């Protein structure tokens, strides 16, 4: 979406923050259901019960007294992730990729000892990284072995696919690629690259960084328009099925690709942002209106996906 004057955004169907908050988040997501996505443990349990792949849950710590038991448990674990159950924006996530000299190896190659892990978990439990600073739970998950299909498209980070689900239909998708500027995080506000993804093919449509069009990755130099998401049909179906699990009408599903297990849901978001419109080069409003006209006429996730692809991505 290049050099668009603000006064034209409405004509282009761009959804702004006020419309998103009132017409999507507040109108379509029941307040009582927010814990289904805000609490990653609840999300994971519901997904597992529905047969949706998620990273393996190894342990849950709920009380400070359990921290002293963690060292014995981790003695048999060489790769794992520790994260807050109610964290946001990637804060408080500790990734361990191996063991060395009795310590734990981080992705940077730095080696830490258990007392540092114990302090981190204690901080998680106290709510240092949680929404509202409330006491939290610490989740220990198995490490996702990410596909190497995106090695040239990202810098020292984890690429993921964000799919916006509107009233049970896939609305728009993008891939978030980390950069040196974003410190290896897939956060567009910190300088990650957003690549709009075609719902039919899983191929790149347009790419942006800080809301400006880019053609190549700023660190690797790869042509971003050559990006294609493997197993795309399964990615978009997996994301769409999450609507049936949590019953929220405006939802962001973040999908990662494990090289052995395939696509899996990393987390869900009841307040997904709007930068995805910039990454795709068009607004969401026309697609929302098209979905509004057919809600209730498709029996399951597969039919909803087929409608969205046929309606939004003409051959």
C-alpha atoms as a PDB file:
ATOM      1  CA  UNK A   1       0.000   0.000   0.000  1.00  0.00           C
ATOM      2  CA  UNK A   2       2.286   2.743  -1.240  1.00  0.00           C
ATOM      3  CA  UNK A   3       2.038   6.484  -0.500  1.00  0.00           C
ATOM      4  CA  UNK A   4      -1.669   6.452   0.375  1.00  0.00           C
ATOM      5  CA  UNK A   5      -3.118   9.698   1.726  1.00  0.00           C
ATOM      6  CA  UNK A   6      -4.947   9.227   5.046  1.00  0.00           C
ATOM      7  CA  UNK A   7      -8.211  10.557   3.595  1.00  0.00           C
ATOM      8  CA  UNK A   8      -8.273   7.671   1.118  1.00  0.00           C
ATOM      9  CA  UNK A   9      -7.897   4.885   3.666  1.00  0.00           C
ATOM     10  CA  UNK A  10     -11.631   4.596   4.238  1.00  0.00           C
ATOM     11  CA  UNK A  11     -12.274   4.390   0.508  1.00  0.00           C
ATOM     12  CA  UNK A  12      -9.751   1.549   0.318  1.00  0.00           C
ATOM     13  CA  UNK A  13     -11.580  -0.428   2.990  1.00  0.00           C
ATOM     14  CA  UNK A  14      -8.902  -0.081   5.653  1.00  0.00           C
ATOM     15  CA  UNK A  15     -10.160  -0.938   9.134  1.00  0.00           C
ATOM     16  CA  UNK A  16      -8.938   1.484  11.787  1.00  0.00           C
ATOM     17  CA  UNK A  17      -8.335   0.942  15.486  1.00  0.00           C
ATOM     18  CA  UNK A  18     -11.690   2.295  16.628  1.00  0.00           C
ATOM     19  CA  UNK A  19     -13.662   0.079  14.240  1.00  0.00           C
ATOM     20  CA  UNK A  20     -11.565  -2.930  15.203  1.00  0.00           C
ATOM     21  CA  UNK A  21     -12.089  -2.342  18.922  1.00  0.00           C
ATOM     22  CA  UNK A  22     -15.839  -1.689  18.732  1.00  0.00           C
ATOM     23  CA  UNK A  23     -17.052  -3.791  15.793  1.00  0.00           C
ATOM     24  CA  UNK A  24     -14.635  -6.714  16.098  1.00  0.00           C
ATOM     25  CA  UNK A  25     -13.053  -7.156  19.514  1.00  0.00           C
ATOM     26  CA  UNK A  26     -15.958  -5.936  21.661  1.00  0.00           C
ATOM     27  CA  UNK A  27     -18.837  -7.065  19.451  1.00  0.00           C
ATOM     28  CA  UNK A  28     -17.567 -10.512  18.439  1.00  0.00           C
ATOM     29  CA  UNK A  29     -15.468 -11.700  21.396  1.00  0.00           C
ATOM     30  CA  UNK A  30     -17.321 -12.437  24.623  1.00  0.00           C
ATOM     31  CA  UNK A  31     -15.491 -11.039  27.624  1.00  0.00           C
ATOM     32  CA  UNK A  32     -15.962 -14.324  29.482  1.00  0.00           C
ATOM     33  CA  UNK A  33     -14.071 -16.126  26.699  1.00  0.00           C
ATOM     34  CA  UNK A  34     -10.931 -13.984  26.730  1.00  0.00           C
ATOM     35  CA  UNK A  35      -9.082 -16.381  29.072  1.00  0.00           C
ATOM     36  CA  UNK A  36      -9.354 -18.987  26.305  1.00  0.00           C
ATOM     37  CA  UNK A  37      -6.725 -17.064  24.353  1.00  0.00           C
ATOM     38  CA  UNK A  38      -5.088 -14.840  26.985  1.00  0.00           C
ATOM     39  CA  UNK A  39      -4.081 -17.871  29.072  1.00  0.00           C
ATOM     40  CA  UNK A  40      -1.806 -20.054  26.952  1.00  0.00           C
ATOM     41  CA  UNK A  41      -2.398 -23.083  29.171  1.00  0.00           C
ATOM     42  CA  UNK A  42      -6.153 -22.929  28.592  1.00  0.00           C
ATOM     43  CA  UNK A  43      -5.561 -22.436  24.863  1.00  0.00           C
ATOM     44  CA  UNK A  44      -3.246 -25.426  24.731  1.00  0.00           C
ATOM     45  CA  UNK A  45      -5.590 -27.734  26.618  1.00  0.00           C
ATOM     46  CA  UNK A  46      -8.566 -26.775  24.431  1.00  0.00           C
ATOM     47  CA  UNK A  47      -6.521 -27.220  21.252  1.00  0.00           C
ATOM     48  CA  UNK A  48      -5.248 -30.637  22.309  1.00  0.00           C
ATOM     49  CA  UNK A  49      -8.791 -31.775  23.111  1.00  0.00           C
ATOM     50  CA  UNK A  50      -9.859 -30.639  19.627  1.00  0.00           C
ATOM     51  CA  UNK A  51      -7.004 -32.503  17.937  1.00  0.00           C
ATOM     52  CA  UNK A  52      -5.117 -29.361  16.926  1.00  0.00           C
ATOM     53  CA  UNK A  53      -1.335 -29.623  17.011  1.00  0.00           C
ATOM     54  CA  UNK A  54       0.505 -27.402  19.485  1.00  0.00           C
ATOM     55  CA  UNK A  55       4.037 -27.520  20.951  1.00  0.00           C
ATOM     56  CA  UNK A  56       4.318 -30.334  23.494  1.00  0.00           C
ATOM     57  CA  UNK A  57       3.515 -29.367  27.072  1.00  0.00           C
ATOM     58  CA  UNK A  58       6.170 -30.828  29.386  1.00  0.00           C
ATOM     59  CA  UNK A  59       5.321 -29.234  32.728  1.00  0.00           C
ATOM     60  CA  UNK A  60       3.316 -26.491  34.426  1.00  0.00           C
ATOM     61  CA  UNK A  61       4.564 -24.617  37.477  1.00  0.00           C
ATOM     62  CA  UNK A  62       1.921 -22.800  39.526  1.00  0.00           C
ATOM     63  CA  UNK A  63       3.645 -22.060  42.855  1.00  0.00           C
ATOM     64  CA  UNK A  64       7.004 -20.701  43.955  1.00  0.00           C
ATOM     65  CA  UNK A  65       7.581 -23.859  45.970  1.00  0.00           C
ATOM     66  CA  UNK A  66       7.691 -25.910  42.769  1.00  0.00           C
ATOM     67  CA  UNK A  67      10.754 -24.054  41.455  1.00  0.00           C
ATOM     68  CA  UNK A  68      13.094 -26.135  43.636  1.00  0.00           C
ATOM     69  CA  UNK A  69      11.732 -29.285  41.960  1.00  0.00           C
ATOM     70  CA  UNK A  70      12.446 -27.970  38.466  1.00  0.00           C
ATOM     71  CA  UNK A  71      16.178 -28.735  38.421  1.00  0.00           C
ATOM     72  CA  UNK A  72      15.612 -32.493  38.775  1.00  0.00           C
ATOM     73  CA  UNK A  73      12.948 -32.400  36.052  1.00  0.00           C
ATOM     74  CA  UNK A  74      15.179 -30.488  33.631  1.00  0.00           C
ATOM     75  CA  UNK A  75      18.040 -32.931  34.155  1.00  0.00           C
ATOM     76  CA  UNK A  76      16.469 -35.117  31.464  1.00  0.00           C
ATOM     77  CA  UNK A  77      15.634 -32.229  29.116  1.00  0.00           C
ATOM     78  CA  UNK A  78      18.166 -30.889  26.617  1.00  0.00           C
ATOM     79  CA  UNK A  79      15.797 -28.659  24.619  1.00  0.00           C
ATOM     80  CA  UNK A  80      12.836 -26.737  25.985  1.00  0.00           C
ATOM     81  CA  UNK A  81      11.042 -23.405  26.187  1.00  0.00           C
ATOM     82  CA  UNK A  82       9.843 -21.714  29.374  1.00  0.00           C
ATOM     83  CA  UNK A  83       7.164 -19.053  28.974  1.00  0.00           C
ATOM     84  CA  UNK A  84       4.532 -17.208  30.997  1.00  0.00           C
ATOM     85  CA  UNK A  85       1.037 -18.559  30.537  1.00  0.00           C
ATOM     86  CA  UNK A  86      -0.435 -15.055  30.341  1.00  0.00           C
ATOM     87  CA  UNK A  87       2.436 -13.182  28.716  1.00  0.00           C
ATOM     88  CA  UNK A  88       2.264 -11.012  25.632  1.00  0.00           C
ATOM     89  CA  UNK A  89       4.519  -9.683  22.845  1.00  0.00           C
ATOM     90  CA  UNK A  90       7.046 -12.479  23.405  1.00  0.00           C
ATOM     91  CA  UNK A  91       8.113 -11.146  26.798  1.00  0.00           C
ATOM     92  CA  UNK A  92       9.494 -13.584  29.345  1.00  0.00           C
ATOM     93  CA  UNK A  93      10.164 -16.453  26.943  1.00  0.00           C
ATOM     94  CA  UNK A  94      13.341 -18.434  27.650  1.00  0.00           C
ATOM     95  CA  UNK A  95      14.549 -20.794  24.921  1.00  0.00           C
ATOM     96  CA  UNK A  96      17.098 -23.540  25.587  1.00  0.00           C
ATOM     97  CA  UNK A  97      18.551 -25.379  22.592  1.00  0.00           C
ATOM     98  CA  UNK A  98      21.067 -27.706  24.259  1.00  0.00           C
ATOM     99  CA  UNK A  99      23.294 -28.598  27.202  1.00  0.00           C
ATOM    100  CA  UNK A 100      26.972 -27.813  27.687  1.00  0.00           C
ATOM    101  CA  UNK A 101      29.349 -28.270  30.635  1.00  0.00           C
ATOM    102  CA  UNK A 102      26.449 -28.762  33.017  1.00  0.00           C
ATOM    103  CA  UNK A 103      24.698 -25.609  31.809  1.00  0.00           C
ATOM    104  CA  UNK A 104      21.914 -24.694  29.415  1.00  0.00           C
ATOM    105  CA  UNK A 105      22.612 -23.242  25.970  1.00  0.00           C
ATOM    106  CA  UNK A 106      20.517 -20.342  24.663  1.00  0.00           C
ATOM    107  CA  UNK A 107      20.060 -19.715  20.904  1.00  0.00           C
ATOM    108  CA  UNK A 108      22.767 -17.030  21.073  1.00  0.00           C
ATOM    109  CA  UNK A 109      25.252 -19.649  22.273  1.00  0.00           C
ATOM    110  CA  UNK A 110      25.401 -18.219  25.781  1.00  0.00           C
ATOM    111  CA  UNK A 111      25.446 -20.808  28.561  1.00  0.00           C
ATOM    112  CA  UNK A 112      23.417 -20.242  31.718  1.00  0.00           C
ATOM    113  CA  UNK A 113      23.137 -22.227  34.947  1.00  0.00           C
ATOM    114  CA  UNK A 114      20.085 -23.468  36.760  1.00  0.00           C
ATOM    115  CA  UNK A 115      20.004 -20.645  39.360  1.00  0.00           C
ATOM    116  CA  UNK A 116      19.413 -18.218  36.484  1.00  0.00           C
ATOM    117  CA  UNK A 117      16.574 -20.375  35.179  1.00  0.00           C
ATOM    118  CA  UNK A 118      15.124 -20.584  38.694  1.00  0.00           C
ATOM    119  CA  UNK A 119      15.156 -16.788  39.038  1.00  0.00           C
ATOM    120  CA  UNK A 120      13.483 -16.445  35.651  1.00  0.00           C
ATOM    121  CA  UNK A 121      10.715 -18.899  36.572  1.00  0.00           C
ATOM    122  CA  UNK A 122      10.221 -17.186  39.913  1.00  0.00           C
ATOM    123  CA  UNK A 123       9.776 -13.880  38.087  1.00  0.00           C
ATOM    124  CA  UNK A 124       7.242 -15.502  35.738  1.00  0.00           C
ATOM    125  CA  UNK A 125       5.219 -16.825  38.652  1.00  0.00           C
ATOM    126  CA  UNK A 126       5.219 -13.423  40.344  1.00  0.00           C
ATOM    127  CA  UNK A 127       3.630 -11.908  37.243  1.00  0.00           C
ATOM    128  CA  UNK A 128       6.567  -9.870  35.963  1.00  0.00           C
ATOM    129  CA  UNK A 129       5.651 -10.641  32.329  1.00  0.00           C
ATOM    130  CA  UNK A 130       1.918 -11.320  32.568  1.00  0.00           C
ATOM    131  CA  UNK A 131      -1.032  -9.231  31.437  1.00  0.00           C
ATOM    132  CA  UNK A 132      -1.832  -6.781  34.227  1.00  0.00           C
ATOM    133  CA  UNK A 133       1.075  -8.005  36.348  1.00  0.00           C
ATOM    134  CA  UNK A 134      -1.063 -10.705  37.960  1.00  0.00           C
ATOM    135  CA  UNK A 135       0.500 -13.894  39.413  1.00  0.00           C
ATOM    136  CA  UNK A 136       1.022 -16.344  36.595  1.00  0.00           C
ATOM    137  CA  UNK A 137       1.914 -19.913  35.675  1.00  0.00           C
ATOM    138  CA  UNK A 138       5.138 -20.996  33.993  1.00  0.00           C
ATOM    139  CA  UNK A 139       4.827 -23.399  31.071  1.00  0.00           C
ATOM    140  CA  UNK A 140       7.650 -25.711  30.048  1.00  0.00           C
ATOM    141  CA  UNK A 141       7.213 -26.751  26.415  1.00  0.00           C
ATOM    142  CA  UNK A 142       9.104 -28.906  23.991  1.00  0.00           C
ATOM    143  CA  UNK A 143      11.271 -27.000  21.529  1.00  0.00           C
ATOM    144  CA  UNK A 144       9.799 -26.546  18.070  1.00  0.00           C
ATOM    145  CA  UNK A 145      12.307 -27.600  15.384  1.00  0.00           C
ATOM    146  CA  UNK A 146      11.454 -25.027  12.784  1.00  0.00           C
ATOM    147  CA  UNK A 147      11.521 -25.884   9.112  1.00  0.00           C
ATOM    148  CA  UNK A 148      14.562 -24.637   7.249  1.00  0.00           C
ATOM    149  CA  UNK A 149      12.353 -23.370   4.403  1.00  0.00           C
ATOM    150  CA  UNK A 150      12.577 -19.841   5.830  1.00  0.00           C
ATOM    151  CA  UNK A 151      16.265 -19.734   6.750  1.00  0.00           C
ATOM    152  CA  UNK A 152      17.045 -17.110   4.108  1.00  0.00           C
ATOM    153  CA  UNK A 153      14.001 -15.023   5.025  1.00  0.00           C
ATOM    154  CA  UNK A 154      14.664 -14.366   8.690  1.00  0.00           C
ATOM    155  CA  UNK A 155      17.429 -13.143  10.985  1.00  0.00           C
ATOM    156  CA  UNK A 156      18.145 -15.070  14.200  1.00  0.00           C
ATOM    157  CA  UNK A 157      14.502 -15.540  15.011  1.00  0.00           C
ATOM    158  CA  UNK A 158      11.359 -17.557  14.606  1.00  0.00           C
ATOM    159  CA  UNK A 159       9.154 -16.774  11.594  1.00  0.00           C
ATOM    160  CA  UNK A 160       5.445 -17.337  12.007  1.00  0.00           C
ATOM    161  CA  UNK A 161       2.258 -17.023   9.996  1.00  0.00           C
ATOM    162  CA  UNK A 162      -0.517 -14.807  11.376  1.00  0.00           C
ATOM    163  CA  UNK A 163      -3.993 -15.610  10.053  1.00  0.00           C
ATOM    164  CA  UNK A 164      -6.904 -13.342  10.962  1.00  0.00           C
ATOM    165  CA  UNK A 165     -10.125 -15.324  11.443  1.00  0.00           C
ATOM    166  CA  UNK A 166     -13.356 -13.333  11.161  1.00  0.00           C
ATOM    167  CA  UNK A 167     -16.608 -15.033  12.186  1.00  0.00           C
ATOM    168  CA  UNK A 168     -14.959 -18.384  11.465  1.00  0.00           C
ATOM    169  CA  UNK A 169     -13.570 -17.479   8.016  1.00  0.00           C
ATOM    170  CA  UNK A 170      -9.917 -16.845   7.122  1.00  0.00           C
ATOM    171  CA  UNK A 171      -9.833 -13.128   6.371  1.00  0.00           C
ATOM    172  CA  UNK A 172      -6.206 -12.260   5.702  1.00  0.00           C
ATOM    173  CA  UNK A 173      -2.747 -13.708   6.309  1.00  0.00           C
ATOM    174  CA  UNK A 174       0.821 -12.551   6.610  1.00  0.00           C
ATOM    175  CA  UNK A 175       4.206 -13.911   7.559  1.00  0.00           C
ATOM    176  CA  UNK A 176       6.303 -12.096  10.140  1.00  0.00           C
ATOM    177  CA  UNK A 177      10.046 -12.252   9.614  1.00  0.00           C
ATOM    178  CA  UNK A 178      12.545 -11.171  12.237  1.00  0.00           C
ATOM    179  CA  UNK A 179      15.416  -8.783  11.467  1.00  0.00           C
ATOM    180  CA  UNK A 180      18.499  -7.489  13.252  1.00  0.00           C
ATOM    181  CA  UNK A 181      16.537  -4.314  13.986  1.00  0.00           C
ATOM    182  CA  UNK A 182      13.753  -6.311  15.648  1.00  0.00           C
ATOM    183  CA  UNK A 183      16.355  -8.173  17.738  1.00  0.00           C
ATOM    184  CA  UNK A 184      15.314 -11.502  16.296  1.00  0.00           C
ATOM    185  CA  UNK A 185      11.654 -11.043  17.261  1.00  0.00           C
ATOM    186  CA  UNK A 186       8.757 -11.266  14.811  1.00  0.00           C
ATOM    187  CA  UNK A 187       7.281  -7.977  16.014  1.00  0.00           C
ATOM    188  CA  UNK A 188       6.454  -5.509  13.240  1.00  0.00           C
ATOM    189  CA  UNK A 189       6.555  -2.538  15.605  1.00  0.00           C
ATOM    190  CA  UNK A 190      10.165  -3.377  16.448  1.00  0.00           C
ATOM    191  CA  UNK A 191      11.269  -3.629  12.828  1.00  0.00           C
ATOM    192  CA  UNK A 192      10.310  -7.118  11.695  1.00  0.00           C
ATOM    193  CA  UNK A 193       9.196  -7.534   8.085  1.00  0.00           C
ATOM    194  CA  UNK A 194       5.558  -8.341   7.352  1.00  0.00           C
ATOM    195  CA  UNK A 195       4.824 -10.255   4.155  1.00  0.00           C
ATOM    196  CA  UNK A 196       1.238 -10.470   2.942  1.00  0.00           C
ATOM    197  CA  UNK A 197       0.292 -14.029   1.985  1.00  0.00           C
ATOM    198  CA  UNK A 198      -2.217 -15.062  -0.688  1.00  0.00           C
ATOM    199  CA  UNK A 199      -4.922 -17.231   0.894  1.00  0.00           C
ATOM    200  CA  UNK A 200      -5.089 -19.543  -2.119  1.00  0.00           C
ATOM    201  CA  UNK A 201      -1.425 -20.230  -2.830  1.00  0.00           C
ATOM    202  CA  UNK A 202       0.487 -19.331   0.325  1.00  0.00           C
ATOM    203  CA  UNK A 203       2.767 -17.095  -1.750  1.00  0.00           C
ATOM    204  CA  UNK A 204       3.985 -13.580  -1.011  1.00  0.00           C
ATOM    205  CA  UNK A 205       1.895 -10.634  -2.190  1.00  0.00           C
ATOM    206  CA  UNK A 206       3.713  -7.618  -0.792  1.00  0.00           C
ATOM    207  CA  UNK A 207       6.235  -6.896   1.969  1.00  0.00           C
ATOM    208  CA  UNK A 208       6.629  -3.998   4.372  1.00  0.00           C
ATOM    209  CA  UNK A 209       8.891  -2.834   7.162  1.00  0.00           C
ATOM    210  CA  UNK A 210       7.729   0.040   9.357  1.00  0.00           C
ATOM    211  CA  UNK A 211       4.743   0.397   6.980  1.00  0.00           C
ATOM    212  CA  UNK A 212       7.017   1.014   3.984  1.00  0.00           C
ATOM    213  CA  UNK A 213       7.237  -1.346   1.032  1.00  0.00           C
ATOM    214  CA  UNK A 214      10.413  -3.424   0.807  1.00  0.00           C
ATOM    215  CA  UNK A 215      11.549  -5.868  -1.851  1.00  0.00           C
ATOM    216  CA  UNK A 216      14.364  -7.725  -0.074  1.00  0.00           C
ATOM    217  CA  UNK A 217      15.056  -8.790   3.482  1.00  0.00           C
ATOM    218  CA  UNK A 218      17.217  -6.066   5.066  1.00  0.00           C
ATOM    219  CA  UNK A 219      19.694  -8.564   6.547  1.00  0.00           C
ATOM    220  CA  UNK A 220      19.786 -11.528   4.194  1.00  0.00           C
ATOM    221  CA  UNK A 221      19.107  -9.721   0.905  1.00  0.00           C
ATOM    222  CA  UNK A 222      16.705 -12.435  -0.271  1.00  0.00           C
ATOM    223  CA  UNK A 223      13.907 -11.439  -2.638  1.00  0.00           C
ATOM    224  CA  UNK A 224      10.839 -11.452  -0.389  1.00  0.00           C
ATOM    225  CA  UNK A 225       8.504 -12.057  -3.306  1.00  0.00           C
ATOM    226  CA  UNK A 226       9.938 -15.557  -3.675  1.00  0.00           C
ATOM    227  CA  UNK A 227       8.564 -16.578  -0.279  1.00  0.00           C
ATOM    228  CA  UNK A 228       6.089 -19.476  -0.334  1.00  0.00           C
ATOM    229  CA  UNK A 229       4.722 -21.145   2.796  1.00  0.00           C
ATOM    230  CA  UNK A 230       5.007 -24.967   2.719  1.00  0.00           C
ATOM    231  CA  UNK A 231       1.933 -27.029   3.602  1.00  0.00           C
ATOM    232  CA  UNK A 232      -0.173 -23.909   3.120  1.00  0.00           C
ATOM    233  CA  UNK A 233      -3.511 -25.703   2.865  1.00  0.00           C
ATOM    234  CA  UNK A 234      -2.939 -27.234   6.285  1.00  0.00           C
ATOM    235  CA  UNK A 235      -1.747 -23.927   7.753  1.00  0.00           C
ATOM    236  CA  UNK A 236      -4.906 -22.050   6.798  1.00  0.00           C
ATOM    237  CA  UNK A 237      -7.165 -24.952   7.805  1.00  0.00           C
ATOM    238  CA  UNK A 238      -5.473 -25.277  11.198  1.00  0.00           C
ATOM    239  CA  UNK A 239      -5.916 -21.562  11.856  1.00  0.00           C
ATOM    240  CA  UNK A 240      -9.552 -21.618  10.751  1.00  0.00           C
ATOM    241  CA  UNK A 241     -10.408 -24.548  13.023  1.00  0.00           C
ATOM    242  CA  UNK A 242      -9.402 -22.449  16.029  1.00  0.00           C
ATOM    243  CA  UNK A 243     -12.662 -20.536  15.705  1.00  0.00           C
ATOM    244  CA  UNK A 244     -14.578 -23.732  16.473  1.00  0.00           C
ATOM    245  CA  UNK A 245     -12.360 -24.314  19.500  1.00  0.00           C
ATOM    246  CA  UNK A 246     -12.525 -20.925  21.259  1.00  0.00           C
ATOM    247  CA  UNK A 247     -15.729 -19.483  19.696  1.00  0.00           C
ATOM    248  CA  UNK A 248     -14.397 -15.960  19.254  1.00  0.00           C
ATOM    249  CA  UNK A 249     -15.439 -13.993  16.187  1.00  0.00           C
ATOM    250  CA  UNK A 250     -12.285 -11.917  15.734  1.00  0.00           C
ATOM    251  CA  UNK A 251      -9.144 -13.929  16.227  1.00  0.00           C
ATOM    252  CA  UNK A 252      -5.491 -13.989  15.291  1.00  0.00           C
ATOM    253  CA  UNK A 253      -3.956 -17.459  14.963  1.00  0.00           C
ATOM    254  CA  UNK A 254      -0.165 -17.706  14.946  1.00  0.00           C
ATOM    255  CA  UNK A 255       1.114 -20.803  13.176  1.00  0.00           C
ATOM    256  CA  UNK A 256       4.657 -22.174  13.101  1.00  0.00           C
ATOM    257  CA  UNK A 257       6.020 -25.012  10.979  1.00  0.00           C
ATOM    258  CA  UNK A 258       7.927 -27.810  12.656  1.00  0.00           C
ATOM    259  CA  UNK A 259      10.134 -29.719  10.224  1.00  0.00           C
ATOM    260  CA  UNK A 260       8.927 -33.055  11.601  1.00  0.00           C
ATOM    261  CA  UNK A 261       5.428 -32.414  12.957  1.00  0.00           C
ATOM    262  CA  UNK A 262       4.290 -29.848  10.386  1.00  0.00           C
ATOM    263  CA  UNK A 263       2.128 -26.782  11.114  1.00  0.00           C
ATOM    264  CA  UNK A 264       1.091 -26.167  14.710  1.00  0.00           C
ATOM    265  CA  UNK A 265      -0.640 -23.392  16.611  1.00  0.00           C
ATOM    266  CA  UNK A 266       1.801 -21.356  18.661  1.00  0.00           C
ATOM    267  CA  UNK A 267      -0.788 -19.067  20.253  1.00  0.00           C
ATOM    268  CA  UNK A 268      -4.047 -17.204  19.683  1.00  0.00           C
ATOM    269  CA  UNK A 269      -4.826 -13.509  20.044  1.00  0.00           C
ATOM    270  CA  UNK A 270      -8.220 -11.921  20.699  1.00  0.00           C
ATOM    271  CA  UNK A 271      -6.945  -8.469  19.717  1.00  0.00           C
ATOM    272  CA  UNK A 272      -4.873  -9.008  16.568  1.00  0.00           C
ATOM    273  CA  UNK A 273      -3.409  -5.826  15.122  1.00  0.00           C
ATOM    274  CA  UNK A 274      -4.126  -4.080  11.857  1.00  0.00           C
ATOM    275  CA  UNK A 275      -0.693  -3.919  10.229  1.00  0.00           C
ATOM    276  CA  UNK A 276      -1.633  -7.048   8.299  1.00  0.00           C
ATOM    277  CA  UNK A 277      -3.579  -4.742   5.956  1.00  0.00           C
ATOM    278  CA  UNK A 278      -0.432  -2.831   5.085  1.00  0.00           C
ATOM    279  CA  UNK A 279       1.458  -6.086   4.521  1.00  0.00           C
ATOM    280  CA  UNK A 280      -1.232  -7.247   2.089  1.00  0.00           C
ATOM    281  CA  UNK A 281      -1.678  -3.929   0.337  1.00  0.00           C
ATOM    282  CA  UNK A 282      -5.445  -3.635   0.874  1.00  0.00           C
ATOM    283  CA  UNK A 283      -8.031  -3.218   3.615  1.00  0.00           C
ATOM    284  CA  UNK A 284     -10.066  -5.854   5.435  1.00  0.00           C
ATOM    285  CA  UNK A 285     -13.471  -4.175   5.280  1.00  0.00           C
ATOM    286  CA  UNK A 286     -14.646  -5.488   1.866  1.00  0.00           C
ATOM    287  CA  UNK A 287     -13.787  -9.032   2.927  1.00  0.00           C
ATOM    288  CA  UNK A 288     -15.586  -8.574   6.235  1.00  0.00           C
ATOM    289  CA  UNK A 289     -18.728  -7.458   4.406  1.00  0.00           C
ATOM    290  CA  UNK A 290     -18.543 -10.434   2.068  1.00  0.00           C
ATOM    291  CA  UNK A 291     -18.331 -12.770   5.058  1.00  0.00           C
ATOM    292  CA  UNK A 292     -21.167 -10.984   6.861  1.00  0.00           C
ATOM    293  CA  UNK A 293     -23.393 -11.834   3.897  1.00  0.00           C
ATOM    294  CA  UNK A 294     -22.797 -15.595   4.144  1.00  0.00           C
ATOM    295  CA  UNK A 295     -22.334 -16.318   7.858  1.00  0.00           C
ATOM    296  CA  UNK A 296     -24.226 -19.462   8.790  1.00  0.00           C
ATOM    297  CA  UNK A 297     -24.361 -20.906   5.283  1.00  0.00           C
ATOM    298  CA  UNK A 298     -21.228 -23.081   5.503  1.00  0.00           C
ATOM    299  CA  UNK A 299     -21.231 -26.264   7.534  1.00  0.00           C
ATOM    300  CA  UNK A 300     -17.648 -26.541   8.708  1.00  0.00           C
ATOM    301  CA  UNK A 301     -14.131 -25.089   8.595  1.00  0.00           C
ATOM    302  CA  UNK A 302     -13.347 -26.696   5.251  1.00  0.00           C
ATOM    303  CA  UNK A 303     -16.352 -25.017   3.602  1.00  0.00           C
ATOM    304  CA  UNK A 304     -15.481 -21.678   5.198  1.00  0.00           C
ATOM    305  CA  UNK A 305     -11.935 -21.897   3.895  1.00  0.00           C
ATOM    306  CA  UNK A 306     -13.146 -22.763   0.414  1.00  0.00           C
ATOM    307  CA  UNK A 307     -15.523 -19.803   0.383  1.00  0.00           C
ATOM    308  CA  UNK A 308     -12.786 -17.390   1.450  1.00  0.00           C
ATOM    309  CA  UNK A 309     -10.329 -18.652  -1.146  1.00  0.00           C
ATOM    310  CA  UNK A 310     -12.852 -18.527  -3.971  1.00  0.00           C
ATOM    311  CA  UNK A 311     -14.227 -15.125  -2.941  1.00  0.00           C
ATOM    312  CA  UNK A 312     -10.981 -13.342  -2.120  1.00  0.00           C
ATOM    313  CA  UNK A 313      -8.402 -14.989  -4.389  1.00  0.00           C
ATOM    314  CA  UNK A 314      -9.710 -15.316  -7.941  1.00  0.00           C
ATOM    315  CA  UNK A 315      -7.573 -17.518 -10.166  1.00  0.00           C
END
